[in-house]
Amino acid sequence: MSWTTWSLLQSGQVKEICSHMTHKERKELGRRGITYGLWVFATLALPIGEAVRHQSRVFLLVAAIMIVVNFVGALFWQRKLKSFLASTEWATSSGYRAEDLRLFGRG
């Protein structure tokens, strides 16, 4: 297991797939992780921070809307992540399918 692909809550399936990734696949996973981090910053950290800083109803409303946008977007990101993980060389040869992957917990 590599620290670059490790996550506290990842499932055994994800650990197994990540442990067999090629260098190119690891690099792509890293790019996706950075992109997701920017998404979280833009839809959670920044709006909430500005709402706390300005303490106006408009900023609070925007922050509340962005929290919903973040959670809806997270579902999309998870679906795309499953698809990517299932498309890796090892996962494909081992018969993994995106719809059967568990990202979190046991499995």
PDB file of N, CA and C in Angstrom:
ATOM      1  N   MET A   1       0.850  -1.173   0.000  1.00  0.00           N
ATOM      2  CA  MET A   1       0.000   0.000   0.000  1.00  0.00           C
ATOM      3  C   MET A   1       0.901   1.243   0.000  1.00  0.00           C
ATOM      4  N   SER A   2       0.482   2.244  -0.740  1.00  0.00           N
ATOM      5  CA  SER A   2       1.248   3.477  -0.859  1.00  0.00           C
ATOM      6  C   SER A   2       0.544   4.603  -0.101  1.00  0.00           C
ATOM      7  N   TRP A   3       1.322   5.464   0.524  1.00  0.00           N
ATOM      8  CA  TRP A   3       0.717   6.593   1.234  1.00  0.00           C
ATOM      9  C   TRP A   3       0.026   7.544   0.261  1.00  0.00           C
ATOM     10  N   THR A   4       0.400   7.505  -1.014  1.00  0.00           N
ATOM     11  CA  THR A   4      -0.218   8.402  -1.993  1.00  0.00           C
ATOM     12  C   THR A   4      -1.625   7.984  -2.378  1.00  0.00           C
ATOM     13  N   THR A   5      -1.998   6.745  -2.092  1.00  0.00           N
ATOM     14  CA  THR A   5      -3.344   6.277  -2.422  1.00  0.00           C
ATOM     15  C   THR A   5      -4.123   5.839  -1.191  1.00  0.00           C
ATOM     16  N   TRP A   6      -3.531   5.969  -0.022  1.00  0.00           N
ATOM     17  CA  TRP A   6      -4.168   5.518   1.206  1.00  0.00           C
ATOM     18  C   TRP A   6      -5.233   6.511   1.661  1.00  0.00           C
ATOM     19  N   SER A   7      -6.327   5.987   2.187  1.00  0.00           N
ATOM     20  CA  SER A   7      -7.383   6.801   2.773  1.00  0.00           C
ATOM     21  C   SER A   7      -7.918   6.064   3.992  1.00  0.00           C
ATOM     22  N   LEU A   8      -8.226   6.795   5.017  1.00  0.00           N
ATOM     23  CA  LEU A   8      -8.650   6.214   6.285  1.00  0.00           C
ATOM     24  C   LEU A   8      -9.862   5.293   6.144  1.00  0.00           C
ATOM     25  N   LEU A   9     -10.840   5.679   5.369  1.00  0.00           N
ATOM     26  CA  LEU A   9     -12.085   4.931   5.299  1.00  0.00           C
ATOM     27  C   LEU A   9     -12.243   4.050   4.065  1.00  0.00           C
ATOM     28  N   GLN A  10     -11.185   3.945   3.235  1.00  0.00           N
ATOM     29  CA  GLN A  10     -11.344   3.205   1.990  1.00  0.00           C
ATOM     30  C   GLN A  10     -11.570   1.716   2.244  1.00  0.00           C
ATOM     31  N   SER A  11     -12.321   1.130   1.334  1.00  0.00           N
ATOM     32  CA  SER A  11     -12.657  -0.288   1.462  1.00  0.00           C
ATOM     33  C   SER A  11     -11.465  -1.163   1.094  1.00  0.00           C
ATOM     34  N   GLY A  12     -11.583  -2.427   1.410  1.00  0.00           N
ATOM     35  CA  GLY A  12     -10.556  -3.385   1.034  1.00  0.00           C
ATOM     36  C   GLY A  12     -10.418  -3.499  -0.476  1.00  0.00           C
ATOM     37  N   GLN A  13     -11.540  -3.387  -1.190  1.00  0.00           N
ATOM     38  CA  GLN A  13     -11.503  -3.427  -2.654  1.00  0.00           C
ATOM     39  C   GLN A  13     -10.639  -2.293  -3.201  1.00  0.00           C
ATOM     40  N   VAL A  14     -10.850  -1.104  -2.689  1.00  0.00           N
ATOM     41  CA  VAL A  14     -10.096   0.062  -3.159  1.00  0.00           C
ATOM     42  C   VAL A  14      -8.620  -0.094  -2.804  1.00  0.00           C
ATOM     43  N   LYS A  15      -8.328  -0.569  -1.601  1.00  0.00           N
ATOM     44  CA  LYS A  15      -6.934  -0.805  -1.202  1.00  0.00           C
ATOM     45  C   LYS A  15      -6.252  -1.772  -2.166  1.00  0.00           C
ATOM     46  N   GLU A  16      -6.951  -2.837  -2.496  1.00  0.00           N
ATOM     47  CA  GLU A  16      -6.396  -3.850  -3.394  1.00  0.00           C
ATOM     48  C   GLU A  16      -6.136  -3.264  -4.779  1.00  0.00           C
ATOM     49  N   ILE A  17      -7.090  -2.524  -5.308  1.00  0.00           N
ATOM     50  CA  ILE A  17      -6.923  -1.915  -6.632  1.00  0.00           C
ATOM     51  C   ILE A  17      -5.756  -0.926  -6.607  1.00  0.00           C
ATOM     52  N   CYS A  18      -5.719  -0.075  -5.583  1.00  0.00           N
ATOM     53  CA  CYS A  18      -4.651   0.930  -5.493  1.00  0.00           C
ATOM     54  C   CYS A  18      -3.270   0.295  -5.362  1.00  0.00           C
ATOM     55  N   SER A  19      -3.199  -0.838  -4.691  1.00  0.00           N
ATOM     56  CA  SER A  19      -1.897  -1.488  -4.508  1.00  0.00           C
ATOM     57  C   SER A  19      -1.356  -2.061  -5.811  1.00  0.00           C
ATOM     58  N   HIS A  20      -2.205  -2.202  -6.825  1.00  0.00           N
ATOM     59  CA  HIS A  20      -1.774  -2.756  -8.106  1.00  0.00           C
ATOM     60  C   HIS A  20      -1.765  -1.708  -9.231  1.00  0.00           C
ATOM     61  N   MET A  21      -1.888  -0.451  -8.905  1.00  0.00           N
ATOM     62  CA  MET A  21      -1.936   0.597  -9.935  1.00  0.00           C
ATOM     63  C   MET A  21      -0.577   0.809 -10.596  1.00  0.00           C
ATOM     64  N   THR A  22      -0.645   1.144 -11.869  1.00  0.00           N
ATOM     65  CA  THR A  22       0.568   1.520 -12.589  1.00  0.00           C
ATOM     66  C   THR A  22       0.935   2.955 -12.199  1.00  0.00           C
ATOM     67  N   HIS A  23       2.129   3.367 -12.569  1.00  0.00           N
ATOM     68  CA  HIS A  23       2.563   4.738 -12.274  1.00  0.00           C
ATOM     69  C   HIS A  23       1.611   5.757 -12.910  1.00  0.00           C
ATOM     70  N   LYS A  24       1.217   5.499 -14.135  1.00  0.00           N
ATOM     71  CA  LYS A  24       0.300   6.415 -14.849  1.00  0.00           C
ATOM     72  C   LYS A  24      -1.055   6.497 -14.139  1.00  0.00           C
ATOM     73  N   GLU A  25      -1.556   5.361 -13.670  1.00  0.00           N
ATOM     74  CA  GLU A  25      -2.844   5.343 -12.967  1.00  0.00           C
ATOM     75  C   GLU A  25      -2.746   6.082 -11.634  1.00  0.00           C
ATOM     76  N   ARG A  26      -1.636   5.908 -10.919  1.00  0.00           N
ATOM     77  CA  ARG A  26      -1.426   6.643  -9.663  1.00  0.00           C
ATOM     78  C   ARG A  26      -1.399   8.148  -9.902  1.00  0.00           C
ATOM     79  N   LYS A  27      -0.731   8.530 -10.967  1.00  0.00           N
ATOM     80  CA  LYS A  27      -0.642   9.946 -11.315  1.00  0.00           C
ATOM     81  C   LYS A  27      -2.026  10.515 -11.610  1.00  0.00           C
ATOM     82  N   GLU A  28      -2.826   9.765 -12.347  1.00  0.00           N
ATOM     83  CA  GLU A  28      -4.194  10.201 -12.658  1.00  0.00           C
ATOM     84  C   GLU A  28      -5.040  10.281 -11.383  1.00  0.00           C
ATOM     85  N   LEU A  29      -4.880   9.315 -10.497  1.00  0.00           N
ATOM     86  CA  LEU A  29      -5.616   9.347  -9.235  1.00  0.00           C
ATOM     87  C   LEU A  29      -5.213  10.565  -8.412  1.00  0.00           C
ATOM     88  N   GLY A  30      -3.932  10.900  -8.415  1.00  0.00           N
ATOM     89  CA  GLY A  30      -3.462  12.097  -7.721  1.00  0.00           C
ATOM     90  C   GLY A  30      -4.059  13.363  -8.303  1.00  0.00           C
ATOM     91  N   ARG A  31      -4.134  13.431  -9.635  1.00  0.00           N
ATOM     92  CA  ARG A  31      -4.742  14.590 -10.288  1.00  0.00           C
ATOM     93  C   ARG A  31      -6.208  14.719  -9.907  1.00  0.00           C
ATOM     94  N   ARG A  32      -6.882  13.596  -9.870  1.00  0.00           N
ATOM     95  CA  ARG A  32      -8.296  13.613  -9.470  1.00  0.00           C
ATOM     96  C   ARG A  32      -8.453  14.043  -8.011  1.00  0.00           C
ATOM     97  N   GLY A  33      -7.534  13.629  -7.161  1.00  0.00           N
ATOM     98  CA  GLY A  33      -7.574  14.029  -5.758  1.00  0.00           C
ATOM     99  C   GLY A  33      -7.382  15.520  -5.580  1.00  0.00           C
ATOM    100  N   ILE A  34      -6.451  16.087  -6.322  1.00  0.00           N
ATOM    101  CA  ILE A  34      -6.229  17.541  -6.261  1.00  0.00           C
ATOM    102  C   ILE A  34      -7.463  18.281  -6.751  1.00  0.00           C
ATOM    103  N   THR A  35      -8.044  17.806  -7.837  1.00  0.00           N
ATOM    104  CA  THR A  35      -9.248  18.437  -8.383  1.00  0.00           C
ATOM    105  C   THR A  35     -10.387  18.381  -7.371  1.00  0.00           C
ATOM    106  N   TYR A  36     -10.541  17.239  -6.705  1.00  0.00           N
ATOM    107  CA  TYR A  36     -11.598  17.119  -5.701  1.00  0.00           C
ATOM    108  C   TYR A  36     -11.330  18.057  -4.517  1.00  0.00           C
ATOM    109  N   GLY A  37     -10.080  18.177  -4.119  1.00  0.00           N
ATOM    110  CA  GLY A  37      -9.725  19.103  -3.039  1.00  0.00           C
ATOM    111  C   GLY A  37     -10.090  20.536  -3.390  1.00  0.00           C
ATOM    112  N   LEU A  38      -9.836  20.933  -4.626  1.00  0.00           N
ATOM    113  CA  LEU A  38     -10.223  22.274  -5.075  1.00  0.00           C
ATOM    114  C   LEU A  38     -11.736  22.436  -5.075  1.00  0.00           C
ATOM    115  N   TRP A  39     -12.441  21.383  -5.464  1.00  0.00           N
ATOM    116  CA  TRP A  39     -13.911  21.393  -5.445  1.00  0.00           C
ATOM    117  C   TRP A  39     -14.427  21.622  -4.017  1.00  0.00           C
ATOM    118  N   VAL A  40     -13.863  20.919  -3.060  1.00  0.00           N
ATOM    119  CA  VAL A  40     -14.281  21.057  -1.660  1.00  0.00           C
ATOM    120  C   VAL A  40     -13.980  22.465  -1.158  1.00  0.00           C
ATOM    121  N   PHE A  41     -12.820  22.990  -1.519  1.00  0.00           N
ATOM    122  CA  PHE A  41     -12.484  24.357  -1.119  1.00  0.00           C
ATOM    123  C   PHE A  41     -13.491  25.346  -1.689  1.00  0.00           C
ATOM    124  N   ALA A  42     -13.795  25.208  -2.980  1.00  0.00           N
ATOM    125  CA  ALA A  42     -14.685  26.170  -3.645  1.00  0.00           C
ATOM    126  C   ALA A  42     -16.133  26.061  -3.196  1.00  0.00           C
ATOM    127  N   THR A  43     -16.568  24.858  -2.830  1.00  0.00           N
ATOM    128  CA  THR A  43     -17.981  24.684  -2.486  1.00  0.00           C
ATOM    129  C   THR A  43     -18.251  24.567  -0.992  1.00  0.00           C
ATOM    130  N   LEU A  44     -17.218  24.435  -0.180  1.00  0.00           N
ATOM    131  CA  LEU A  44     -17.425  24.350   1.272  1.00  0.00           C
ATOM    132  C   LEU A  44     -16.593  25.374   2.035  1.00  0.00           C
ATOM    133  N   ALA A  45     -15.289  25.233   1.974  1.00  0.00           N
ATOM    134  CA  ALA A  45     -14.409  26.057   2.810  1.00  0.00           C
ATOM    135  C   ALA A  45     -14.552  27.543   2.511  1.00  0.00           C
ATOM    136  N   LEU A  46     -14.492  27.921   1.259  1.00  0.00           N
ATOM    137  CA  LEU A  46     -14.574  29.332   0.896  1.00  0.00           C
ATOM    138  C   LEU A  46     -15.933  29.942   1.234  1.00  0.00           C
ATOM    139  N   PRO A  47     -17.052  29.351   0.814  1.00  0.00           N
ATOM    140  CA  PRO A  47     -18.340  29.951   1.149  1.00  0.00           C
ATOM    141  C   PRO A  47     -18.618  30.014   2.662  1.00  0.00           C
ATOM    142  N   ILE A  48     -18.270  28.949   3.369  1.00  0.00           N
ATOM    143  CA  ILE A  48     -18.504  28.949   4.819  1.00  0.00           C
ATOM    144  C   ILE A  48     -17.600  29.971   5.492  1.00  0.00           C
ATOM    145  N   GLY A  49     -16.351  30.033   5.076  1.00  0.00           N
ATOM    146  CA  GLY A  49     -15.431  31.022   5.633  1.00  0.00           C
ATOM    147  C   GLY A  49     -15.910  32.446   5.411  1.00  0.00           C
ATOM    148  N   GLU A  50     -16.379  32.726   4.219  1.00  0.00           N
ATOM    149  CA  GLU A  50     -16.882  34.066   3.918  1.00  0.00           C
ATOM    150  C   GLU A  50     -18.170  34.362   4.694  1.00  0.00           C
ATOM    151  N   ALA A  51     -19.019  33.375   4.869  1.00  0.00           N
ATOM    152  CA  ALA A  51     -20.252  33.563   5.639  1.00  0.00           C
ATOM    153  C   ALA A  51     -19.932  33.896   7.091  1.00  0.00           C
ATOM    154  N   VAL A  52     -18.952  33.208   7.654  1.00  0.00           N
ATOM    155  CA  VAL A  52     -18.541  33.478   9.032  1.00  0.00           C
ATOM    156  C   VAL A  52     -17.896  34.857   9.126  1.00  0.00           C
ATOM    157  N   ARG A  53     -17.079  35.183   8.160  1.00  0.00           N
ATOM    158  CA  ARG A  53     -16.376  36.467   8.178  1.00  0.00           C
ATOM    159  C   ARG A  53     -17.330  37.654   8.038  1.00  0.00           C
ATOM    160  N   HIS A  54     -18.265  37.574   7.109  1.00  0.00           N
ATOM    161  CA  HIS A  54     -19.164  38.705   6.846  1.00  0.00           C
ATOM    162  C   HIS A  54     -20.428  38.692   7.706  1.00  0.00           C
ATOM    163  N   GLN A  55     -20.847  37.528   8.127  1.00  0.00           N
ATOM    164  CA  GLN A  55     -22.043  37.349   8.954  1.00  0.00           C
ATOM    165  C   GLN A  55     -23.249  38.113   8.416  1.00  0.00           C
ATOM    166  N   SER A  56     -23.471  37.972   7.127  1.00  0.00           N
ATOM    167  CA  SER A  56     -24.663  38.565   6.523  1.00  0.00           C
ATOM    168  C   SER A  56     -25.556  37.445   6.012  1.00  0.00           C
ATOM    169  N   ARG A  57     -26.821  37.728   5.895  1.00  0.00           N
ATOM    170  CA  ARG A  57     -27.775  36.712   5.450  1.00  0.00           C
ATOM    171  C   ARG A  57     -27.479  36.244   4.031  1.00  0.00           C
ATOM    172  N   VAL A  58     -27.042  37.147   3.195  1.00  0.00           N
ATOM    173  CA  VAL A  58     -26.731  36.777   1.816  1.00  0.00           C
ATOM    174  C   VAL A  58     -25.594  35.753   1.795  1.00  0.00           C
ATOM    175  N   PHE A  59     -24.531  36.004   2.533  1.00  0.00           N
ATOM    176  CA  PHE A  59     -23.411  35.068   2.573  1.00  0.00           C
ATOM    177  C   PHE A  59     -23.820  33.744   3.216  1.00  0.00           C
ATOM    178  N   LEU A  60     -24.671  33.804   4.223  1.00  0.00           N
ATOM    179  CA  LEU A  60     -25.160  32.569   4.848  1.00  0.00           C
ATOM    180  C   LEU A  60     -26.008  31.770   3.865  1.00  0.00           C
ATOM    181  N   LEU A  61     -26.839  32.454   3.094  1.00  0.00           N
ATOM    182  CA  LEU A  61     -27.665  31.772   2.095  1.00  0.00           C
ATOM    183  C   LEU A  61     -26.788  31.141   1.016  1.00  0.00           C
ATOM    184  N   VAL A  62     -25.802  31.886   0.525  1.00  0.00           N
ATOM    185  CA  VAL A  62     -24.891  31.349  -0.486  1.00  0.00           C
ATOM    186  C   VAL A  62     -24.146  30.136   0.078  1.00  0.00           C
ATOM    187  N   ALA A  63     -23.682  30.223   1.317  1.00  0.00           N
ATOM    188  CA  ALA A  63     -22.974  29.098   1.937  1.00  0.00           C
ATOM    189  C   ALA A  63     -23.889  27.883   2.044  1.00  0.00           C
ATOM    190  N   ALA A  64     -25.132  28.088   2.435  1.00  0.00           N
ATOM    191  CA  ALA A  64     -26.080  26.973   2.554  1.00  0.00           C
ATOM    192  C   ALA A  64     -26.325  26.320   1.198  1.00  0.00           C
ATOM    193  N   ILE A  65     -26.481  27.130   0.167  1.00  0.00           N
ATOM    194  CA  ILE A  65     -26.677  26.591  -1.182  1.00  0.00           C
ATOM    195  C   ILE A  65     -25.440  25.808  -1.626  1.00  0.00           C
ATOM    196  N   MET A  66     -24.262  26.347  -1.347  1.00  0.00           N
ATOM    197  CA  MET A  66     -23.026  25.691  -1.763  1.00  0.00           C
ATOM    198  C   MET A  66     -22.790  24.380  -1.015  1.00  0.00           C
ATOM    199  N   ILE A  67     -23.264  24.284   0.213  1.00  0.00           N
ATOM    200  CA  ILE A  67     -23.161  23.020   0.946  1.00  0.00           C
ATOM    201  C   ILE A  67     -23.977  21.946   0.231  1.00  0.00           C
ATOM    202  N   VAL A  68     -25.172  22.296  -0.202  1.00  0.00           N
ATOM    203  CA  VAL A  68     -26.006  21.353  -0.955  1.00  0.00           C
ATOM    204  C   VAL A  68     -25.326  20.981  -2.271  1.00  0.00           C
ATOM    205  N   VAL A  69     -24.792  21.996  -2.965  1.00  0.00           N
ATOM    206  CA  VAL A  69     -24.076  21.745  -4.227  1.00  0.00           C
ATOM    207  C   VAL A  69     -22.911  20.794  -3.984  1.00  0.00           C
ATOM    208  N   ASN A  70     -22.197  20.989  -2.881  1.00  0.00           N
ATOM    209  CA  ASN A  70     -21.064  20.122  -2.571  1.00  0.00           C
ATOM    210  C   ASN A  70     -21.501  18.679  -2.398  1.00  0.00           C
ATOM    211  N   PHE A  71     -22.546  18.441  -1.645  1.00  0.00           N
ATOM    212  CA  PHE A  71     -22.972  17.067  -1.391  1.00  0.00           C
ATOM    213  C   PHE A  71     -23.514  16.394  -2.644  1.00  0.00           C
ATOM    214  N   VAL A  72     -24.234  17.143  -3.466  1.00  0.00           N
ATOM    215  CA  VAL A  72     -24.700  16.580  -4.738  1.00  0.00           C
ATOM    216  C   VAL A  72     -23.500  16.272  -5.630  1.00  0.00           C
ATOM    217  N   GLY A  73     -22.554  17.197  -5.675  1.00  0.00           N
ATOM    218  CA  GLY A  73     -21.347  16.982  -6.466  1.00  0.00           C
ATOM    219  C   GLY A  73     -20.531  15.810  -5.966  1.00  0.00           C
ATOM    220  N   ALA A  74     -20.511  15.593  -4.661  1.00  0.00           N
ATOM    221  CA  ALA A  74     -19.750  14.471  -4.089  1.00  0.00           C
ATOM    222  C   ALA A  74     -20.287  13.137  -4.599  1.00  0.00           C
ATOM    223  N   LEU A  75     -21.589  13.041  -4.776  1.00  0.00           N
ATOM    224  CA  LEU A  75     -22.163  11.808  -5.327  1.00  0.00           C
ATOM    225  C   LEU A  75     -21.663  11.572  -6.756  1.00  0.00           C
ATOM    226  N   PHE A  76     -21.595  12.643  -7.541  1.00  0.00           N
ATOM    227  CA  PHE A  76     -21.068  12.555  -8.895  1.00  0.00           C
ATOM    228  C   PHE A  76     -19.598  12.126  -8.868  1.00  0.00           C
ATOM    229  N   TRP A  77     -18.802  12.766  -7.999  1.00  0.00           N
ATOM    230  CA  TRP A  77     -17.377  12.437  -7.890  1.00  0.00           C
ATOM    231  C   TRP A  77     -17.181  10.976  -7.511  1.00  0.00           C
ATOM    232  N   GLN A  78     -17.997  10.466  -6.598  1.00  0.00           N
ATOM    233  CA  GLN A  78     -17.859   9.066  -6.180  1.00  0.00           C
ATOM    234  C   GLN A  78     -18.149   8.119  -7.336  1.00  0.00           C
ATOM    235  N   ARG A  79     -19.156   8.432  -8.124  1.00  0.00           N
ATOM    236  CA  ARG A  79     -19.488   7.599  -9.277  1.00  0.00           C
ATOM    237  C   ARG A  79     -18.333   7.588 -10.282  1.00  0.00           C
ATOM    238  N   LYS A  80     -17.751   8.765 -10.525  1.00  0.00           N
ATOM    239  CA  LYS A  80     -16.618   8.866 -11.452  1.00  0.00           C
ATOM    240  C   LYS A  80     -15.389   8.132 -10.895  1.00  0.00           C
ATOM    241  N   LEU A  81     -15.177   8.206  -9.589  1.00  0.00           N
ATOM    242  CA  LEU A  81     -14.048   7.517  -8.974  1.00  0.00           C
ATOM    243  C   LEU A  81     -14.195   6.002  -9.107  1.00  0.00           C
ATOM    244  N   LYS A  82     -15.392   5.501  -8.864  1.00  0.00           N
ATOM    245  CA  LYS A  82     -15.629   4.063  -9.030  1.00  0.00           C
ATOM    246  C   LYS A  82     -15.339   3.631 -10.462  1.00  0.00           C
ATOM    247  N   SER A  83     -15.789   4.432 -11.407  1.00  0.00           N
ATOM    248  CA  SER A  83     -15.561   4.124 -12.811  1.00  0.00           C
ATOM    249  C   SER A  83     -14.064   4.102 -13.126  1.00  0.00           C
ATOM    250  N   PHE A  84     -13.334   5.091 -12.611  1.00  0.00           N
ATOM    251  CA  PHE A  84     -11.892   5.125 -12.839  1.00  0.00           C
ATOM    252  C   PHE A  84     -11.208   3.914 -12.215  1.00  0.00           C
ATOM    253  N   LEU A  85     -11.518   3.621 -10.958  1.00  0.00           N
ATOM    254  CA  LEU A  85     -10.876   2.495 -10.274  1.00  0.00           C
ATOM    255  C   LEU A  85     -11.141   1.185 -11.000  1.00  0.00           C
ATOM    256  N   ALA A  86     -12.374   0.995 -11.452  1.00  0.00           N
ATOM    257  CA  ALA A  86     -12.718  -0.246 -12.156  1.00  0.00           C
ATOM    258  C   ALA A  86     -12.052  -0.324 -13.528  1.00  0.00           C
ATOM    259  N   SER A  87     -11.627   0.822 -14.070  1.00  0.00           N
ATOM    260  CA  SER A  87     -11.007   0.830 -15.395  1.00  0.00           C
ATOM    261  C   SER A  87      -9.494   0.619 -15.361  1.00  0.00           C
ATOM    262  N   THR A  88      -8.909   0.531 -14.171  1.00  0.00           N
ATOM    263  CA  THR A  88      -7.456   0.309 -14.108  1.00  0.00           C
ATOM    264  C   THR A  88      -7.130  -1.074 -14.666  1.00  0.00           C
ATOM    265  N   GLU A  89      -5.899  -1.231 -15.090  1.00  0.00           N
ATOM    266  CA  GLU A  89      -5.489  -2.498 -15.716  1.00  0.00           C
ATOM    267  C   GLU A  89      -5.766  -3.700 -14.822  1.00  0.00           C
ATOM    268  N   TRP A  90      -5.321  -3.613 -13.568  1.00  0.00           N
ATOM    269  CA  TRP A  90      -5.470  -4.751 -12.665  1.00  0.00           C
ATOM    270  C   TRP A  90      -6.934  -5.029 -12.344  1.00  0.00           C
ATOM    271  N   ALA A  91      -7.709  -3.962 -12.080  1.00  0.00           N
ATOM    272  CA  ALA A  91      -9.124  -4.147 -11.737  1.00  0.00           C
ATOM    273  C   ALA A  91      -9.889  -4.761 -12.903  1.00  0.00           C
ATOM    274  N   THR A  92      -9.584  -4.315 -14.107  1.00  0.00           N
ATOM    275  CA  THR A  92     -10.244  -4.861 -15.294  1.00  0.00           C
ATOM    276  C   THR A  92      -9.922  -6.346 -15.446  1.00  0.00           C
ATOM    277  N   SER A  93      -8.644  -6.690 -15.294  1.00  0.00           N
ATOM    278  CA  SER A  93      -8.248  -8.103 -15.444  1.00  0.00           C
ATOM    279  C   SER A  93      -8.758  -8.972 -14.297  1.00  0.00           C
ATOM    280  N   SER A  94      -9.074  -8.341 -13.168  1.00  0.00           N
ATOM    281  CA  SER A  94      -9.582  -9.092 -12.009  1.00  0.00           C
ATOM    282  C   SER A  94     -11.103  -9.143 -11.968  1.00  0.00           C
ATOM    283  N   GLY A  95     -11.758  -8.515 -12.941  1.00  0.00           N
ATOM    284  CA  GLY A  95     -13.207  -8.601 -13.049  1.00  0.00           C
ATOM    285  C   GLY A  95     -13.994  -7.600 -12.214  1.00  0.00           C
ATOM    286  N   TYR A  96     -13.347  -6.562 -11.722  1.00  0.00           N
ATOM    287  CA  TYR A  96     -14.072  -5.540 -10.963  1.00  0.00           C
ATOM    288  C   TYR A  96     -14.957  -4.721 -11.891  1.00  0.00           C
ATOM    289  N   ARG A  97     -16.137  -4.386 -11.397  1.00  0.00           N
ATOM    290  CA  ARG A  97     -17.052  -3.509 -12.130  1.00  0.00           C
ATOM    291  C   ARG A  97     -17.382  -2.325 -11.236  1.00  0.00           C
ATOM    292  N   ALA A  98     -17.539  -1.155 -11.842  1.00  0.00           N
ATOM    293  CA  ALA A  98     -17.776   0.079 -11.092  1.00  0.00           C
ATOM    294  C   ALA A  98     -18.996  -0.048 -10.185  1.00  0.00           C
ATOM    295  N   GLU A  99     -20.057  -0.628 -10.693  1.00  0.00           N
ATOM    296  CA  GLU A  99     -21.292  -0.712  -9.906  1.00  0.00           C
ATOM    297  C   GLU A  99     -21.182  -1.640  -8.699  1.00  0.00           C
ATOM    298  N   ASP A 100     -20.181  -2.504  -8.686  1.00  0.00           N
ATOM    299  CA  ASP A 100     -19.997  -3.425  -7.567  1.00  0.00           C
ATOM    300  C   ASP A 100     -18.971  -2.944  -6.541  1.00  0.00           C
ATOM    301  N   LEU A 101     -18.254  -1.872  -6.861  1.00  0.00           N
ATOM    302  CA  LEU A 101     -17.207  -1.366  -5.959  1.00  0.00           C
ATOM    303  C   LEU A 101     -17.805  -0.637  -4.764  1.00  0.00           C
ATOM    304  N   ARG A 102     -17.199  -0.891  -3.624  1.00  0.00           N
ATOM    305  CA  ARG A 102     -17.509  -0.122  -2.410  1.00  0.00           C
ATOM    306  C   ARG A 102     -16.322   0.756  -2.143  1.00  0.00           C
ATOM    307  N   LEU A 103     -16.546   2.057  -2.038  1.00  0.00           N
ATOM    308  CA  LEU A 103     -15.439   2.977  -1.792  1.00  0.00           C
ATOM    309  C   LEU A 103     -15.045   2.995  -0.314  1.00  0.00           C
ATOM    310  N   PHE A 104     -16.021   2.821   0.565  1.00  0.00           N
ATOM    311  CA  PHE A 104     -15.781   2.962   2.005  1.00  0.00           C
ATOM    312  C   PHE A 104     -16.179   1.699   2.742  1.00  0.00           C
ATOM    313  N   GLY A 105     -15.574   1.521   3.900  1.00  0.00           N
ATOM    314  CA  GLY A 105     -15.937   0.410   4.782  1.00  0.00           C
ATOM    315  C   GLY A 105     -15.327  -0.900   4.342  1.00  0.00           C
ATOM    316  N   ARG A 106     -15.929  -1.957   4.800  1.00  0.00           N
ATOM    317  CA  ARG A 106     -15.424  -3.297   4.483  1.00  0.00           C
ATOM    318  C   ARG A 106     -15.882  -3.702   3.101  1.00  0.00           C
ATOM    319  N   GLY A 107     -15.066  -4.446   2.450  1.00  0.00           N
ATOM    320  CA  GLY A 107     -15.446  -4.933   1.124  1.00  0.00           C
ATOM    321  C   GLY A 107     -14.309  -4.882   0.165  1.00  0.00           C
TER     322      GLY A 107
END
